[in-house]
Amino acid sequence: MAKTAFIGLGVMGFPMAGHLTAKGGHEVTVFNRTTDKAERWASQHGGAFRATPREAAEGADFVFVCVGNDDDVRSVVLGADGALAGMKPGATLVDHTTASAELARELDQAAREKGLRFLDAPVSGGQAGAENGVLTVMVGGESETFEAARPVIDSYARMVGLMGPAGSGQLAKMMNQICIAGLVEGLAEAIHFGQKAGLDIATVVDVISKGAAGSWQMENRHKTMAAGQYEFGFAVEWMRKDLGICLSEARRNGASLPVTALVDQFYAEVEAGGGKRWDTSSLLSRLNR
């Protein structure tokens, strides 16, 4: 059993922290900027909560962070009340936030200067994956640090892999989001085409999903897409944040992402139409206007 802290109890962090106690048997202390959510988590899972990230991190072997963006991470990790200020020498900070590779390298350096260890470890699998403890975790950092943290991360993951040095986890997550953006747009266009052609979408998908066109998105989203239901899952505004990170990194490293840039524009149209909180499969909505 490890002594852990979990900072950020959103739709992902709340169940992830819960799995640390329920499945992993670890001691968990939490922090959330909205205190009542931290109190509710502690009441449900039997852990403790603290008033600042620094207090939550004190004495922990592993400190996990899952918040919104680069600035959010800095606000809970750095500074006098940040997690790094409370961590004991040799402890490991694991950032599950989908953020920039630049931030990961910055935190890695800050941790080293304090005699701490760091892993950037963004996740894939969405809210359902977090709730069911079956997330995919892409990790950047040193192999020794990764191997020590892996058994703890396994509490809420079904796949955990080391991608390379600090920042590599975030770069792998960018690849993941690039793939999803293209897949969802392709699926949206296919369903739109099929509907215009008068086909029964469920019947067609039952066949083509077993062939080369098959994907997780097709299996799990085609029914709700065909029904025009988008009130669940990974929100458009979150996807646009992630795609913005991808496009920014591409400008830095010289990669060409024409389809990703185009799909980001399509998501901007969905946002402008009032769909920023719709599921990412709502790309179909702009075709069916």
C-alpha atoms as a PDB file:
ATOM      1  CA  MET A   1       0.000   0.000   0.000  1.00  0.00           C
ATOM      2  CA  ALA A   2       1.240   3.463  -0.904  1.00  0.00           C
ATOM      3  CA  LYS A   3       0.441   6.805   0.671  1.00  0.00           C
ATOM      4  CA  THR A   4      -0.995   8.932  -2.128  1.00  0.00           C
ATOM      5  CA  ALA A   5      -2.571  12.306  -2.818  1.00  0.00           C
ATOM      6  CA  PHE A   6      -4.979  13.154  -5.620  1.00  0.00           C
ATOM      7  CA  ILE A   7      -5.457  16.745  -6.749  1.00  0.00           C
ATOM      8  CA  GLY A   8      -8.435  17.542  -8.961  1.00  0.00           C
ATOM      9  CA  LEU A   9     -11.765  15.757  -8.535  1.00  0.00           C
ATOM     10  CA  GLY A  10     -13.538  16.438 -11.812  1.00  0.00           C
ATOM     11  CA  VAL A  11     -15.397  13.860 -13.885  1.00  0.00           C
ATOM     12  CA  MET A  12     -12.122  11.972 -14.340  1.00  0.00           C
ATOM     13  CA  GLY A  13     -10.283  12.578 -11.090  1.00  0.00           C
ATOM     14  CA  PHE A  14     -13.159  11.766  -8.730  1.00  0.00           C
ATOM     15  CA  PRO A  15     -13.497   8.108  -9.839  1.00  0.00           C
ATOM     16  CA  MET A  16      -9.757   7.691 -10.428  1.00  0.00           C
ATOM     17  CA  ALA A  17      -9.023   8.671  -6.839  1.00  0.00           C
ATOM     18  CA  GLY A  18     -11.789   6.319  -5.741  1.00  0.00           C
ATOM     19  CA  HIS A  19     -10.146   3.376  -7.482  1.00  0.00           C
ATOM     20  CA  LEU A  20      -6.902   4.077  -5.617  1.00  0.00           C
ATOM     21  CA  THR A  21      -8.694   3.171  -2.410  1.00  0.00           C
ATOM     22  CA  ALA A  22     -11.261   0.609  -3.599  1.00  0.00           C
ATOM     23  CA  LYS A  23      -9.110  -1.391  -6.032  1.00  0.00           C
ATOM     24  CA  GLY A  24      -5.585  -0.473  -5.028  1.00  0.00           C
ATOM     25  CA  GLY A  25      -6.022  -0.363  -1.269  1.00  0.00           C
ATOM     26  CA  HIS A  26      -3.920   2.798  -1.087  1.00  0.00           C
ATOM     27  CA  GLU A  27      -4.188   5.585   1.455  1.00  0.00           C
ATOM     28  CA  VAL A  28      -5.526   8.682  -0.335  1.00  0.00           C
ATOM     29  CA  THR A  29      -5.725  12.345   0.624  1.00  0.00           C
ATOM     30  CA  VAL A  30      -7.483  14.652  -1.847  1.00  0.00           C
ATOM     31  CA  PHE A  31      -7.637  18.315  -2.745  1.00  0.00           C
ATOM     32  CA  ASN A  32     -10.167  20.056  -4.939  1.00  0.00           C
ATOM     33  CA  ARG A  33     -10.657  23.758  -5.507  1.00  0.00           C
ATOM     34  CA  THR A  34     -14.349  23.243  -4.709  1.00  0.00           C
ATOM     35  CA  THR A  35     -14.143  22.039  -1.135  1.00  0.00           C
ATOM     36  CA  ASP A  36     -17.592  20.457  -0.990  1.00  0.00           C
ATOM     37  CA  LYS A  37     -16.585  18.007  -3.718  1.00  0.00           C
ATOM     38  CA  ALA A  38     -13.502  17.011  -1.722  1.00  0.00           C
ATOM     39  CA  GLU A  39     -15.701  16.519   1.333  1.00  0.00           C
ATOM     40  CA  ARG A  40     -18.129  14.385  -0.681  1.00  0.00           C
ATOM     41  CA  TRP A  41     -15.275  12.249  -2.054  1.00  0.00           C
ATOM     42  CA  ALA A  42     -13.864  11.686   1.442  1.00  0.00           C
ATOM     43  CA  SER A  43     -17.309  10.764   2.731  1.00  0.00           C
ATOM     44  CA  GLN A  44     -17.859   8.226  -0.059  1.00  0.00           C
ATOM     45  CA  HIS A  45     -14.400   6.664  -0.115  1.00  0.00           C
ATOM     46  CA  GLY A  46     -13.136   7.012   3.425  1.00  0.00           C
ATOM     47  CA  GLY A  47     -10.093   9.112   2.593  1.00  0.00           C
ATOM     48  CA  ALA A  48      -9.071  12.542   3.841  1.00  0.00           C
ATOM     49  CA  PHE A  49      -9.156  15.983   2.257  1.00  0.00           C
ATOM     50  CA  ARG A  50      -7.010  19.051   2.795  1.00  0.00           C
ATOM     51  CA  ALA A  51      -7.370  22.773   2.198  1.00  0.00           C
ATOM     52  CA  THR A  52      -4.354  23.197  -0.119  1.00  0.00           C
ATOM     53  CA  PRO A  53      -2.412  21.033  -2.598  1.00  0.00           C
ATOM     54  CA  ARG A  54       0.647  21.402  -0.394  1.00  0.00           C
ATOM     55  CA  GLU A  55      -1.137  19.964   2.621  1.00  0.00           C
ATOM     56  CA  ALA A  56      -2.618  17.125   0.598  1.00  0.00           C
ATOM     57  CA  ALA A  57       0.816  16.203  -0.768  1.00  0.00           C
ATOM     58  CA  GLU A  58       2.628  16.146   2.571  1.00  0.00           C
ATOM     59  CA  GLY A  59       4.102  12.724   3.288  1.00  0.00           C
ATOM     60  CA  ALA A  60       2.733  11.138   0.101  1.00  0.00           C
ATOM     61  CA  ASP A  61       4.774   8.682  -1.942  1.00  0.00           C
ATOM     62  CA  PHE A  62       2.817   9.565  -5.086  1.00  0.00           C
ATOM     63  CA  VAL A  63       0.912  12.751  -5.871  1.00  0.00           C
ATOM     64  CA  PHE A  64      -1.542  12.588  -8.778  1.00  0.00           C
ATOM     65  CA  VAL A  65      -2.891  15.642 -10.591  1.00  0.00           C
ATOM     66  CA  CYS A  66      -5.847  15.761 -12.975  1.00  0.00           C
ATOM     67  CA  VAL A  67      -7.076  19.277 -13.734  1.00  0.00           C
ATOM     68  CA  GLY A  68      -8.001  21.330 -16.804  1.00  0.00           C
ATOM     69  CA  ASN A  69      -5.025  22.852 -18.623  1.00  0.00           C
ATOM     70  CA  ASP A  70      -1.441  24.087 -18.313  1.00  0.00           C
ATOM     71  CA  ASP A  71      -2.331  27.080 -16.135  1.00  0.00           C
ATOM     72  CA  ASP A  72      -4.489  24.932 -13.858  1.00  0.00           C
ATOM     73  CA  VAL A  73      -1.607  22.495 -13.380  1.00  0.00           C
ATOM     74  CA  ARG A  74       0.810  25.290 -12.520  1.00  0.00           C
ATOM     75  CA  SER A  75      -1.676  26.730 -10.012  1.00  0.00           C
ATOM     76  CA  VAL A  76      -1.880  23.476  -8.007  1.00  0.00           C
ATOM     77  CA  VAL A  77       1.717  22.265  -8.421  1.00  0.00           C
ATOM     78  CA  LEU A  78       3.937  25.345  -8.200  1.00  0.00           C
ATOM     79  CA  GLY A  79       4.142  28.131  -5.617  1.00  0.00           C
ATOM     80  CA  ALA A  80       4.062  28.242  -1.845  1.00  0.00           C
ATOM     81  CA  ASP A  81       0.822  26.242  -1.571  1.00  0.00           C
ATOM     82  CA  GLY A  82       1.512  23.971  -4.534  1.00  0.00           C
ATOM     83  CA  ALA A  83       2.019  20.224  -4.344  1.00  0.00           C
ATOM     84  CA  LEU A  84       5.780  20.376  -4.927  1.00  0.00           C
ATOM     85  CA  ALA A  85       6.214  22.500  -1.818  1.00  0.00           C
ATOM     86  CA  GLY A  86       4.701  19.775   0.363  1.00  0.00           C
ATOM     87  CA  MET A  87       6.223  16.660  -1.178  1.00  0.00           C
ATOM     88  CA  LYS A  88       8.900  14.673   0.637  1.00  0.00           C
ATOM     89  CA  PRO A  89      12.273  13.970  -1.053  1.00  0.00           C
ATOM     90  CA  GLY A  90      12.093  11.086  -3.507  1.00  0.00           C
ATOM     91  CA  ALA A  91       8.313  11.265  -3.943  1.00  0.00           C
ATOM     92  CA  THR A  92       6.768  11.171  -7.416  1.00  0.00           C
ATOM     93  CA  LEU A  93       4.426  13.689  -9.044  1.00  0.00           C
ATOM     94  CA  VAL A  94       2.194  12.149 -11.748  1.00  0.00           C
ATOM     95  CA  ASP A  95       0.308  14.597 -13.956  1.00  0.00           C
ATOM     96  CA  HIS A  96      -2.731  13.028 -15.650  1.00  0.00           C
ATOM     97  CA  THR A  97      -3.865  16.326 -17.155  1.00  0.00           C
ATOM     98  CA  THR A  98      -3.901  16.563 -20.942  1.00  0.00           C
ATOM     99  CA  ALA A  99      -1.483  19.459 -21.295  1.00  0.00           C
ATOM    100  CA  SER A 100       1.485  20.595 -23.360  1.00  0.00           C
ATOM    101  CA  ALA A 101       4.760  18.737 -23.654  1.00  0.00           C
ATOM    102  CA  GLU A 102       6.447  22.024 -22.783  1.00  0.00           C
ATOM    103  CA  LEU A 103       4.690  22.050 -19.399  1.00  0.00           C
ATOM    104  CA  ALA A 104       5.739  18.444 -18.756  1.00  0.00           C
ATOM    105  CA  ARG A 105       9.388  19.329 -19.284  1.00  0.00           C
ATOM    106  CA  GLU A 106       8.989  22.393 -17.059  1.00  0.00           C
ATOM    107  CA  LEU A 107       7.537  20.312 -14.228  1.00  0.00           C
ATOM    108  CA  ASP A 108      10.166  17.624 -14.676  1.00  0.00           C
ATOM    109  CA  GLN A 109      12.882  20.236 -14.174  1.00  0.00           C
ATOM    110  CA  ALA A 110      11.096  21.796 -11.193  1.00  0.00           C
ATOM    111  CA  ALA A 111      10.732  18.368  -9.564  1.00  0.00           C
ATOM    112  CA  ARG A 112      14.388  17.489 -10.117  1.00  0.00           C
ATOM    113  CA  GLU A 113      15.475  20.722  -8.458  1.00  0.00           C
ATOM    114  CA  LYS A 114      13.602  19.671  -5.322  1.00  0.00           C
ATOM    115  CA  GLY A 115      14.860  16.085  -5.302  1.00  0.00           C
ATOM    116  CA  LEU A 116      11.536  14.759  -6.593  1.00  0.00           C
ATOM    117  CA  ARG A 117      10.458  12.586  -9.514  1.00  0.00           C
ATOM    118  CA  PHE A 118       7.958  13.370 -12.251  1.00  0.00           C
ATOM    119  CA  LEU A 119       5.831  11.586 -14.839  1.00  0.00           C
ATOM    120  CA  ASP A 120       3.518  13.154 -17.408  1.00  0.00           C
ATOM    121  CA  ALA A 121       0.707  10.634 -17.833  1.00  0.00           C
ATOM    122  CA  PRO A 122      -2.332  11.829 -19.804  1.00  0.00           C
ATOM    123  CA  VAL A 123      -5.181   9.342 -20.099  1.00  0.00           C
ATOM    124  CA  SER A 124      -7.639   8.160 -22.728  1.00  0.00           C
ATOM    125  CA  GLY A 125     -10.965   6.446 -22.205  1.00  0.00           C
ATOM    126  CA  GLY A 126     -13.178   9.306 -21.094  1.00  0.00           C
ATOM    127  CA  GLN A 127     -15.482   9.488 -18.115  1.00  0.00           C
ATOM    128  CA  ALA A 128     -16.702   5.918 -18.603  1.00  0.00           C
ATOM    129  CA  GLY A 129     -13.117   4.632 -18.644  1.00  0.00           C
ATOM    130  CA  ALA A 130     -12.361   6.507 -15.434  1.00  0.00           C
ATOM    131  CA  GLU A 131     -15.497   5.240 -13.704  1.00  0.00           C
ATOM    132  CA  ASN A 132     -14.825   1.649 -14.742  1.00  0.00           C
ATOM    133  CA  GLY A 133     -11.094   1.807 -14.004  1.00  0.00           C
ATOM    134  CA  VAL A 134     -10.074   0.884 -17.559  1.00  0.00           C
ATOM    135  CA  LEU A 135      -8.176   3.946 -18.750  1.00  0.00           C
ATOM    136  CA  THR A 136      -5.258   3.925 -21.171  1.00  0.00           C
ATOM    137  CA  VAL A 137      -2.319   5.868 -19.739  1.00  0.00           C
ATOM    138  CA  MET A 138       0.524   7.251 -21.872  1.00  0.00           C
ATOM    139  CA  VAL A 139       3.547   8.072 -19.738  1.00  0.00           C
ATOM    140  CA  GLY A 140       6.647  10.203 -20.154  1.00  0.00           C
ATOM    141  CA  GLY A 141       9.575  10.041 -17.745  1.00  0.00           C
ATOM    142  CA  GLU A 142      12.402   7.852 -16.515  1.00  0.00           C
ATOM    143  CA  SER A 143      11.908   4.091 -16.635  1.00  0.00           C
ATOM    144  CA  GLU A 144      12.752   3.562 -12.945  1.00  0.00           C
ATOM    145  CA  THR A 145      10.163   6.142 -11.892  1.00  0.00           C
ATOM    146  CA  PHE A 146       7.616   4.614 -14.267  1.00  0.00           C
ATOM    147  CA  GLU A 147       8.104   1.086 -12.937  1.00  0.00           C
ATOM    148  CA  ALA A 148       7.656   2.283  -9.363  1.00  0.00           C
ATOM    149  CA  ALA A 149       4.449   4.170 -10.176  1.00  0.00           C
ATOM    150  CA  ARG A 150       2.906   1.637 -12.532  1.00  0.00           C
ATOM    151  CA  PRO A 151       1.390  -0.687  -9.887  1.00  0.00           C
ATOM    152  CA  VAL A 152      -0.400   2.297  -8.343  1.00  0.00           C
ATOM    153  CA  ILE A 153      -1.637   3.650 -11.694  1.00  0.00           C
ATOM    154  CA  ASP A 154      -2.924   0.150 -12.481  1.00  0.00           C
ATOM    155  CA  SER A 155      -5.691   0.830  -9.945  1.00  0.00           C
ATOM    156  CA  TYR A 156      -7.638   2.720 -12.641  1.00  0.00           C
ATOM    157  CA  ALA A 157      -6.016   1.597 -15.886  1.00  0.00           C
ATOM    158  CA  ARG A 158      -6.082  -1.412 -18.180  1.00  0.00           C
ATOM    159  CA  MET A 159      -3.133  -0.236 -20.305  1.00  0.00           C
ATOM    160  CA  VAL A 160      -0.129   1.736 -19.084  1.00  0.00           C
ATOM    161  CA  GLY A 161       2.876   2.360 -21.312  1.00  0.00           C
ATOM    162  CA  LEU A 162       6.116   4.342 -21.138  1.00  0.00           C
ATOM    163  CA  MET A 163       6.436   6.465 -24.285  1.00  0.00           C
ATOM    164  CA  GLY A 164       9.852   8.013 -23.621  1.00  0.00           C
ATOM    165  CA  PRO A 165      11.358  10.880 -21.586  1.00  0.00           C
ATOM    166  CA  ALA A 166       9.374  13.683 -19.961  1.00  0.00           C
ATOM    167  CA  GLY A 167       6.877  15.164 -22.410  1.00  0.00           C
ATOM    168  CA  SER A 168       6.502  11.951 -24.402  1.00  0.00           C
ATOM    169  CA  GLY A 169       3.249  11.027 -22.692  1.00  0.00           C
ATOM    170  CA  GLN A 170       1.714  14.312 -23.765  1.00  0.00           C
ATOM    171  CA  LEU A 171       2.988  13.876 -27.313  1.00  0.00           C
ATOM    172  CA  ALA A 172       1.443  10.399 -27.456  1.00  0.00           C
ATOM    173  CA  LYS A 173      -1.870  11.821 -26.208  1.00  0.00           C
ATOM    174  CA  MET A 174      -1.703  14.366 -29.031  1.00  0.00           C
ATOM    175  CA  MET A 175      -1.412  11.492 -31.513  1.00  0.00           C
ATOM    176  CA  ASN A 176      -4.423   9.895 -29.832  1.00  0.00           C
ATOM    177  CA  GLN A 177      -6.546  13.027 -30.237  1.00  0.00           C
ATOM    178  CA  ILE A 178      -5.432  13.514 -33.846  1.00  0.00           C
ATOM    179  CA  CYS A 179      -6.613   9.988 -34.616  1.00  0.00           C
ATOM    180  CA  ILE A 180      -9.949  10.494 -32.865  1.00  0.00           C
ATOM    181  CA  ALA A 181     -10.656  13.774 -34.664  1.00  0.00           C
ATOM    182  CA  GLY A 182     -10.229  12.172 -38.083  1.00  0.00           C
ATOM    183  CA  LEU A 183     -12.190   9.057 -37.126  1.00  0.00           C
ATOM    184  CA  VAL A 184     -15.183  10.970 -35.773  1.00  0.00           C
ATOM    185  CA  GLU A 185     -15.382  13.219 -38.830  1.00  0.00           C
ATOM    186  CA  GLY A 186     -15.192  10.195 -41.128  1.00  0.00           C
ATOM    187  CA  LEU A 187     -17.920   8.445 -39.138  1.00  0.00           C
ATOM    188  CA  ALA A 188     -20.083  11.574 -39.175  1.00  0.00           C
ATOM    189  CA  GLU A 189     -19.779  11.874 -42.943  1.00  0.00           C
ATOM    190  CA  ALA A 190     -20.522   8.177 -43.455  1.00  0.00           C
ATOM    191  CA  ILE A 191     -23.674   8.316 -41.309  1.00  0.00           C
ATOM    192  CA  HIS A 192     -24.773  11.522 -43.028  1.00  0.00           C
ATOM    193  CA  PHE A 193     -24.235   9.887 -46.426  1.00  0.00           C
ATOM    194  CA  GLY A 194     -26.128   6.756 -45.387  1.00  0.00           C
ATOM    195  CA  GLN A 195     -29.065   8.742 -44.058  1.00  0.00           C
ATOM    196  CA  LYS A 196     -29.292  10.748 -47.279  1.00  0.00           C
ATOM    197  CA  ALA A 197     -29.158   7.489 -49.245  1.00  0.00           C
ATOM    198  CA  GLY A 198     -32.040   6.048 -47.258  1.00  0.00           C
ATOM    199  CA  LEU A 199     -30.063   3.228 -45.650  1.00  0.00           C
ATOM    200  CA  ASP A 200     -30.714   1.716 -42.241  1.00  0.00           C
ATOM    201  CA  ILE A 201     -27.654   2.916 -40.358  1.00  0.00           C
ATOM    202  CA  ALA A 202     -27.728   0.223 -37.668  1.00  0.00           C
ATOM    203  CA  THR A 203     -27.902  -2.547 -40.282  1.00  0.00           C
ATOM    204  CA  VAL A 204     -25.028  -1.134 -42.303  1.00  0.00           C
ATOM    205  CA  VAL A 205     -22.823  -0.494 -39.280  1.00  0.00           C
ATOM    206  CA  ASP A 206     -23.445  -4.022 -37.988  1.00  0.00           C
ATOM    207  CA  VAL A 207     -21.735  -5.256 -41.155  1.00  0.00           C
ATOM    208  CA  ILE A 208     -18.998  -2.690 -41.850  1.00  0.00           C
ATOM    209  CA  SER A 209     -17.922  -2.480 -38.187  1.00  0.00           C
ATOM    210  CA  LYS A 210     -16.608  -6.036 -38.541  1.00  0.00           C
ATOM    211  CA  GLY A 211     -14.327  -5.041 -41.407  1.00  0.00           C
ATOM    212  CA  ALA A 212     -11.556  -2.529 -42.062  1.00  0.00           C
ATOM    213  CA  ALA A 213     -13.843   0.445 -41.310  1.00  0.00           C
ATOM    214  CA  GLY A 214     -14.466  -0.691 -37.744  1.00  0.00           C
ATOM    215  CA  SER A 215     -13.382   1.461 -34.794  1.00  0.00           C
ATOM    216  CA  TRP A 216     -14.223   2.172 -31.159  1.00  0.00           C
ATOM    217  CA  GLN A 217     -16.017   5.318 -32.284  1.00  0.00           C
ATOM    218  CA  MET A 218     -18.182   3.358 -34.709  1.00  0.00           C
ATOM    219  CA  GLU A 219     -19.060   0.660 -32.188  1.00  0.00           C
ATOM    220  CA  ASN A 220     -19.840   3.055 -29.347  1.00  0.00           C
ATOM    221  CA  ARG A 221     -21.190   6.179 -31.005  1.00  0.00           C
ATOM    222  CA  HIS A 222     -23.066   5.302 -34.208  1.00  0.00           C
ATOM    223  CA  LYS A 223     -26.457   4.732 -32.542  1.00  0.00           C
ATOM    224  CA  THR A 224     -26.528   7.981 -30.618  1.00  0.00           C
ATOM    225  CA  MET A 225     -25.144   9.896 -33.590  1.00  0.00           C
ATOM    226  CA  ALA A 226     -27.842   8.539 -35.898  1.00  0.00           C
ATOM    227  CA  ALA A 227     -30.440   9.532 -33.301  1.00  0.00           C
ATOM    228  CA  GLY A 228     -29.000  13.048 -32.947  1.00  0.00           C
ATOM    229  CA  GLN A 229     -28.130  12.526 -29.284  1.00  0.00           C
ATOM    230  CA  TYR A 230     -24.991  14.320 -28.112  1.00  0.00           C
ATOM    231  CA  GLU A 231     -25.579  15.044 -24.429  1.00  0.00           C
ATOM    232  CA  PHE A 232     -22.837  12.846 -22.978  1.00  0.00           C
ATOM    233  CA  GLY A 233     -19.173  11.940 -23.166  1.00  0.00           C
ATOM    234  CA  PHE A 234     -16.123  14.042 -23.994  1.00  0.00           C
ATOM    235  CA  ALA A 235     -17.217  17.621 -24.626  1.00  0.00           C
ATOM    236  CA  VAL A 236     -16.476  19.613 -27.779  1.00  0.00           C
ATOM    237  CA  GLU A 237     -14.839  22.421 -25.775  1.00  0.00           C
ATOM    238  CA  TRP A 238     -12.451  19.898 -24.210  1.00  0.00           C
ATOM    239  CA  MET A 239     -11.604  18.431 -27.600  1.00  0.00           C
ATOM    240  CA  ARG A 240     -10.906  21.894 -28.980  1.00  0.00           C
ATOM    241  CA  LYS A 241      -8.524  22.500 -26.082  1.00  0.00           C
ATOM    242  CA  ASP A 242      -6.704  19.261 -26.915  1.00  0.00           C
ATOM    243  CA  LEU A 243      -6.602  19.945 -30.650  1.00  0.00           C
ATOM    244  CA  GLY A 244      -5.234  23.410 -29.927  1.00  0.00           C
ATOM    245  CA  ILE A 245      -2.363  21.763 -28.060  1.00  0.00           C
ATOM    246  CA  CYS A 246      -1.785  19.422 -31.025  1.00  0.00           C
ATOM    247  CA  LEU A 247      -1.756  22.244 -33.550  1.00  0.00           C
ATOM    248  CA  SER A 248       0.546  24.359 -31.394  1.00  0.00           C
ATOM    249  CA  GLU A 249       3.021  21.490 -31.065  1.00  0.00           C
ATOM    250  CA  ALA A 250       2.817  20.872 -34.815  1.00  0.00           C
ATOM    251  CA  ARG A 251       3.788  24.475 -35.487  1.00  0.00           C
ATOM    252  CA  ARG A 252       6.760  23.955 -33.204  1.00  0.00           C
ATOM    253  CA  ASN A 253       7.997  20.660 -34.654  1.00  0.00           C
ATOM    254  CA  GLY A 254       7.054  21.267 -38.289  1.00  0.00           C
ATOM    255  CA  ALA A 255       4.393  18.544 -38.598  1.00  0.00           C
ATOM    256  CA  SER A 256       1.617  19.039 -41.144  1.00  0.00           C
ATOM    257  CA  LEU A 257      -1.886  18.430 -39.750  1.00  0.00           C
ATOM    258  CA  PRO A 258      -4.345  19.593 -42.432  1.00  0.00           C
ATOM    259  CA  VAL A 259      -7.196  17.262 -41.448  1.00  0.00           C
ATOM    260  CA  THR A 260      -6.806  18.030 -37.742  1.00  0.00           C
ATOM    261  CA  ALA A 261      -6.903  21.770 -38.424  1.00  0.00           C
ATOM    262  CA  LEU A 262     -10.025  21.336 -40.561  1.00  0.00           C
ATOM    263  CA  VAL A 263     -11.826  19.230 -37.956  1.00  0.00           C
ATOM    264  CA  ASP A 264     -10.942  21.817 -35.319  1.00  0.00           C
ATOM    265  CA  GLN A 265     -12.715  24.407 -37.496  1.00  0.00           C
ATOM    266  CA  PHE A 266     -15.732  22.099 -37.731  1.00  0.00           C
ATOM    267  CA  TYR A 267     -15.804  21.824 -33.947  1.00  0.00           C
ATOM    268  CA  ALA A 268     -15.650  25.625 -33.765  1.00  0.00           C
ATOM    269  CA  GLU A 269     -18.837  25.695 -35.852  1.00  0.00           C
ATOM    270  CA  VAL A 270     -20.507  23.248 -33.451  1.00  0.00           C
ATOM    271  CA  GLU A 271     -19.442  25.454 -30.526  1.00  0.00           C
ATOM    272  CA  ALA A 272     -20.810  28.557 -32.237  1.00  0.00           C
ATOM    273  CA  GLY A 273     -24.124  26.754 -32.666  1.00  0.00           C
ATOM    274  CA  GLY A 274     -24.419  26.174 -28.922  1.00  0.00           C
ATOM    275  CA  GLY A 275     -22.791  22.739 -28.774  1.00  0.00           C
ATOM    276  CA  LYS A 276     -19.649  23.352 -26.745  1.00  0.00           C
ATOM    277  CA  ARG A 277     -20.814  20.858 -24.105  1.00  0.00           C
ATOM    278  CA  TRP A 278     -22.058  18.303 -26.623  1.00  0.00           C
ATOM    279  CA  ASP A 279     -20.184  15.065 -27.120  1.00  0.00           C
ATOM    280  CA  THR A 280     -17.449  15.116 -29.771  1.00  0.00           C
ATOM    281  CA  SER A 281     -19.624  12.918 -32.007  1.00  0.00           C
ATOM    282  CA  SER A 282     -21.764  16.019 -32.589  1.00  0.00           C
ATOM    283  CA  LEU A 283     -19.719  16.706 -35.734  1.00  0.00           C
ATOM    284  CA  LEU A 284     -22.681  15.072 -37.461  1.00  0.00           C
ATOM    285  CA  SER A 285     -24.922  17.944 -36.337  1.00  0.00           C
ATOM    286  CA  ARG A 286     -23.249  20.428 -38.685  1.00  0.00           C
ATOM    287  CA  LEU A 287     -23.876  18.117 -41.656  1.00  0.00           C
ATOM    288  CA  ASN A 288     -27.548  17.553 -40.817  1.00  0.00           C
ATOM    289  CA  ARG A 289     -28.608  21.173 -40.481  1.00  0.00           C
END
